[in-house]
Amino acid sequence: MGTCAKDLVGLSAPVILASSSPRRKQLLGMLGIEATIIPASLDEERFEQMPPRRMVEELAFRKALAAQTHVPDAIIIGADTTVVLDETMLSKPHDAEHACAMLRTLSGRTHTVITGVAVLWGAFRLVDSRSTRVTFRSLSEEEIRTYVATGSPLDKAGGYGIQDDCGAVFVESIEGCYYTVVGLPVELLYRMLRLVTQCK
């Protein structure tokens, strides 16, 4: 399946992923795309006053732009994810207690995950985003603390990963793209890559 997607896109340049997320790299691998990692270092807090969708799109673009300065001829992919509950954004937790507090807040409620994606190749720039609604069942304190003790929630927006074993069993239902919640909406990325390579 990965080879099929890669062949349909018709990539003719190296691909750079402007993210250190192993999950995003794995999703690119699922599409048959081998990417070199060049993570961007940005002060993300100064963008947090933006509306959530605009923020993740802006951060995805700026990450990709930063990577492009190192490899101007490559196809650059940037991405950023946030979790929104009652108009409040939940980014990555600062520590274990913060992660526990986030999960208590999400317990038994529905939130929205928004992932922005940017694809740059030379002068071509595409930026878009997808959102997915996720409903958690009610979580016990034991479940929350056991999960947080694994360390996995600490590098994830909202303090959880839907692909984790605990993260998966916390989720009662989703409405939208599963991969948006993981951190890279592959259907959107595929269409963006096709458009960029066809226009080049």
Protein backbone atom coordinates (compact mmCIF):
# COMPACT_ATOMS: atom_id res chain seq x y z
CA MET A 1 0.00 0.00 0.00
CA GLY A 2 2.86 2.34 0.82
CA THR A 3 4.51 1.83 -2.55
CA CYS A 4 1.19 2.56 -4.27
CA ALA A 5 0.75 5.90 -2.49
CA LYS A 6 4.37 6.90 -3.14
CA ASP A 7 4.09 5.98 -6.83
CA LEU A 8 0.86 7.94 -7.23
CA VAL A 9 2.40 11.04 -5.66
CA GLY A 10 5.43 10.79 -7.95
CA LEU A 11 8.02 12.33 -5.63
CA SER A 12 11.13 13.50 -7.49
CA ALA A 13 12.99 15.20 -4.64
CA PRO A 14 14.13 14.25 -1.14
CA VAL A 15 11.51 14.62 1.59
CA ILE A 16 12.22 16.43 4.85
CA LEU A 17 9.98 16.12 7.90
CA ALA A 18 10.25 19.25 10.04
CA SER A 19 9.22 17.36 13.16
CA SER A 20 10.89 15.07 15.67
CA SER A 21 7.66 13.11 16.18
CA PRO A 22 8.28 9.39 15.62
CA ARG A 23 4.57 8.94 14.95
CA ARG A 24 4.64 11.32 11.98
CA LYS A 25 7.71 9.58 10.59
CA GLN A 26 5.92 6.23 10.92
CA LEU A 27 2.89 7.55 9.05
CA LEU A 28 5.10 8.76 6.22
CA GLY A 29 6.66 5.31 6.15
CA MET A 30 3.18 3.84 5.83
CA LEU A 31 2.89 5.84 2.59
CA GLY A 32 6.24 4.49 1.44
CA ILE A 33 7.95 7.85 1.96
CA GLU A 34 11.42 7.88 3.52
CA ALA A 35 11.91 11.26 5.18
CA THR A 36 14.93 12.89 6.74
CA ILE A 37 14.17 14.54 10.07
CA ILE A 38 15.08 18.20 10.56
CA PRO A 39 13.11 19.36 13.60
CA ALA A 40 12.42 23.08 13.91
CA SER A 41 12.93 24.93 17.18
CA LEU A 42 10.23 27.56 17.63
CA ASP A 43 8.90 29.53 20.55
CA GLU A 44 5.41 28.07 20.22
CA GLU A 45 3.98 29.91 23.22
CA ARG A 46 3.93 33.22 21.37
CA PHE A 47 1.43 31.76 18.88
CA GLU A 48 -1.02 30.56 21.54
CA GLN A 49 -3.12 33.73 21.36
CA MET A 50 -4.18 32.79 17.83
CA PRO A 51 -7.39 30.83 17.15
CA PRO A 52 -6.54 27.09 17.31
CA ARG A 53 -6.86 26.31 13.60
CA ARG A 54 -4.85 29.33 12.56
CA MET A 55 -2.21 28.52 15.20
CA VAL A 56 -1.56 24.94 14.05
CA GLU A 57 -1.44 26.02 10.40
CA GLU A 58 0.96 28.86 11.20
CA LEU A 59 3.21 26.62 13.29
CA ALA A 60 3.22 23.89 10.63
CA PHE A 61 4.22 26.47 8.02
CA ARG A 62 6.93 28.07 10.15
CA LYS A 63 8.43 24.69 11.03
CA ALA A 64 8.57 23.76 7.35
CA LEU A 65 10.01 27.15 6.43
CA ALA A 66 12.77 26.80 9.03
CA ALA A 67 13.74 23.40 7.62
CA GLN A 68 13.67 24.73 4.06
CA THR A 69 16.55 27.09 4.82
CA HIS A 70 18.77 24.01 5.28
CA VAL A 71 17.56 22.05 2.23
CA PRO A 72 15.97 24.48 -0.25
CA ASP A 73 15.53 21.89 -3.02
CA ALA A 74 13.72 19.29 -0.92
CA ILE A 75 10.01 18.72 -0.33
CA ILE A 76 9.36 19.89 3.22
CA ILE A 77 6.52 18.68 5.44
CA GLY A 78 5.60 20.51 8.62
CA ALA A 79 2.83 19.66 11.07
CA ASP A 80 1.42 20.78 14.38
CA THR A 81 -1.38 19.44 16.59
CA THR A 82 -3.49 20.86 19.39
CA VAL A 83 -6.40 19.65 21.49
CA VAL A 84 -9.32 22.01 22.12
CA LEU A 85 -11.86 21.62 24.94
CA ASP A 86 -14.44 24.34 25.60
CA GLU A 87 -12.40 26.80 23.50
CA THR A 88 -9.29 26.14 25.61
CA MET A 89 -6.22 24.68 23.92
CA LEU A 90 -4.40 21.80 25.58
CA SER A 91 -0.86 21.53 24.26
CA LYS A 92 1.86 19.20 25.58
CA PRO A 93 1.81 18.84 29.38
CA HIS A 94 4.64 20.45 31.36
CA ASP A 95 5.04 17.46 33.69
CA ALA A 96 3.29 14.34 34.98
CA GLU A 97 0.87 16.20 37.26
CA HIS A 98 -0.11 18.49 34.41
CA ALA A 99 -0.74 15.42 32.21
CA CYS A 100 -2.94 13.91 34.95
CA ALA A 101 -4.90 17.15 35.21
CA MET A 102 -5.45 17.22 31.44
CA LEU A 103 -6.75 13.66 31.41
CA ARG A 104 -9.11 14.37 34.30
CA THR A 105 -10.46 17.32 32.32
CA LEU A 106 -10.95 15.20 29.18
CA SER A 107 -12.56 12.32 31.09
CA GLY A 108 -16.14 11.64 30.01
CA ARG A 109 -16.17 14.56 27.57
CA THR A 110 -15.80 15.36 23.88
CA HIS A 111 -12.89 17.44 22.61
CA THR A 112 -11.53 18.43 19.20
CA VAL A 113 -8.08 17.58 17.83
CA ILE A 114 -6.78 19.90 15.10
CA THR A 115 -3.67 19.14 13.05
CA GLY A 116 -2.17 21.66 10.64
CA VAL A 117 -0.03 20.53 7.71
CA ALA A 118 2.34 22.51 5.49
CA VAL A 119 4.03 21.27 2.32
CA LEU A 120 6.76 23.40 0.75
CA TRP A 121 8.77 22.76 -2.39
CA GLY A 122 10.74 25.68 -3.74
CA ALA A 123 8.31 28.56 -4.15
CA PHE A 124 5.23 26.34 -3.77
CA ARG A 125 3.49 26.60 -0.41
CA LEU A 126 0.41 24.69 0.71
CA VAL A 127 -1.07 24.92 4.20
CA ASP A 128 -4.23 23.25 5.46
CA SER A 129 -5.66 21.48 8.50
CA ARG A 130 -8.12 18.84 9.62
CA SER A 131 -10.13 18.47 12.82
CA THR A 132 -11.56 15.39 14.54
CA ARG A 133 -13.94 15.15 17.50
CA VAL A 134 -12.91 12.63 20.15
CA THR A 135 -15.06 11.42 23.05
CA PHE A 136 -13.46 9.90 26.15
CA ARG A 137 -15.28 7.55 28.48
CA SER A 138 -15.08 8.33 32.19
CA LEU A 139 -11.58 7.54 33.48
CA SER A 140 -10.60 6.37 36.93
CA GLU A 141 -7.75 7.98 38.84
CA GLU A 142 -5.90 4.65 38.72
CA GLU A 143 -6.16 4.54 34.92
CA ILE A 144 -4.95 8.12 34.57
CA ARG A 145 -1.96 7.70 36.88
CA THR A 146 -0.97 4.32 35.43
CA TYR A 147 -0.94 5.78 31.93
CA VAL A 148 0.96 8.93 32.91
CA ALA A 149 3.55 6.81 34.73
CA THR A 150 4.55 5.29 31.37
CA GLY A 151 5.84 8.73 30.28
CA SER A 152 4.08 8.44 26.93
CA PRO A 153 1.59 11.30 27.47
CA LEU A 154 4.31 13.87 28.18
CA ASP A 155 5.18 14.61 24.55
CA LYS A 156 1.61 14.65 23.22
CA ALA A 157 -0.95 17.43 22.87
CA GLY A 158 -3.74 16.89 25.37
CA GLY A 159 -1.63 14.42 27.34
CA TYR A 160 -2.57 11.29 25.40
CA GLY A 161 -1.89 9.34 22.23
CA ILE A 162 -4.79 7.53 20.60
CA GLN A 163 -2.29 4.98 19.26
CA ASP A 164 -1.11 4.07 22.78
CA ASP A 165 -2.68 1.10 24.54
CA CYS A 166 -4.22 3.22 27.31
CA GLY A 167 -4.95 6.10 24.95
CA ALA A 168 -6.85 3.72 22.71
CA VAL A 169 -9.03 2.28 25.47
CA PHE A 170 -9.82 5.75 26.82
CA VAL A 171 -11.49 6.70 23.53
CA GLU A 172 -15.19 5.90 23.32
CA SER A 173 -15.69 7.28 19.81
CA ILE A 174 -14.18 9.54 17.16
CA GLU A 175 -15.84 11.63 14.50
CA GLY A 176 -13.45 12.40 11.68
CA CYS A 177 -9.96 11.31 10.61
CA TYR A 178 -8.13 8.98 13.01
CA TYR A 179 -4.73 10.06 11.68
CA THR A 180 -5.49 13.69 12.51
CA VAL A 181 -5.54 12.60 16.15
CA VAL A 182 -2.25 10.72 15.75
CA GLY A 183 -0.71 13.92 14.38
CA LEU A 184 -0.66 13.73 10.56
CA PRO A 185 -3.85 13.47 8.45
CA VAL A 186 -2.48 11.22 5.72
CA GLU A 187 -5.34 11.70 3.23
CA LEU A 188 -4.85 15.48 3.36
CA LEU A 189 -1.07 15.15 3.13
CA TYR A 190 -1.37 12.80 0.15
CA ARG A 191 -3.53 15.26 -1.77
CA MET A 192 -1.22 18.16 -0.90
CA LEU A 193 1.83 16.22 -2.10
CA ARG A 194 0.10 15.29 -5.35
CA LEU A 195 -0.86 18.90 -5.96
CA VAL A 196 2.63 20.22 -5.27
CA THR A 197 4.38 17.63 -7.45
CA GLN A 198 1.91 18.14 -10.32
CA CYS A 199 2.40 21.92 -10.21
CA LYS A 200 6.19 21.86 -9.99
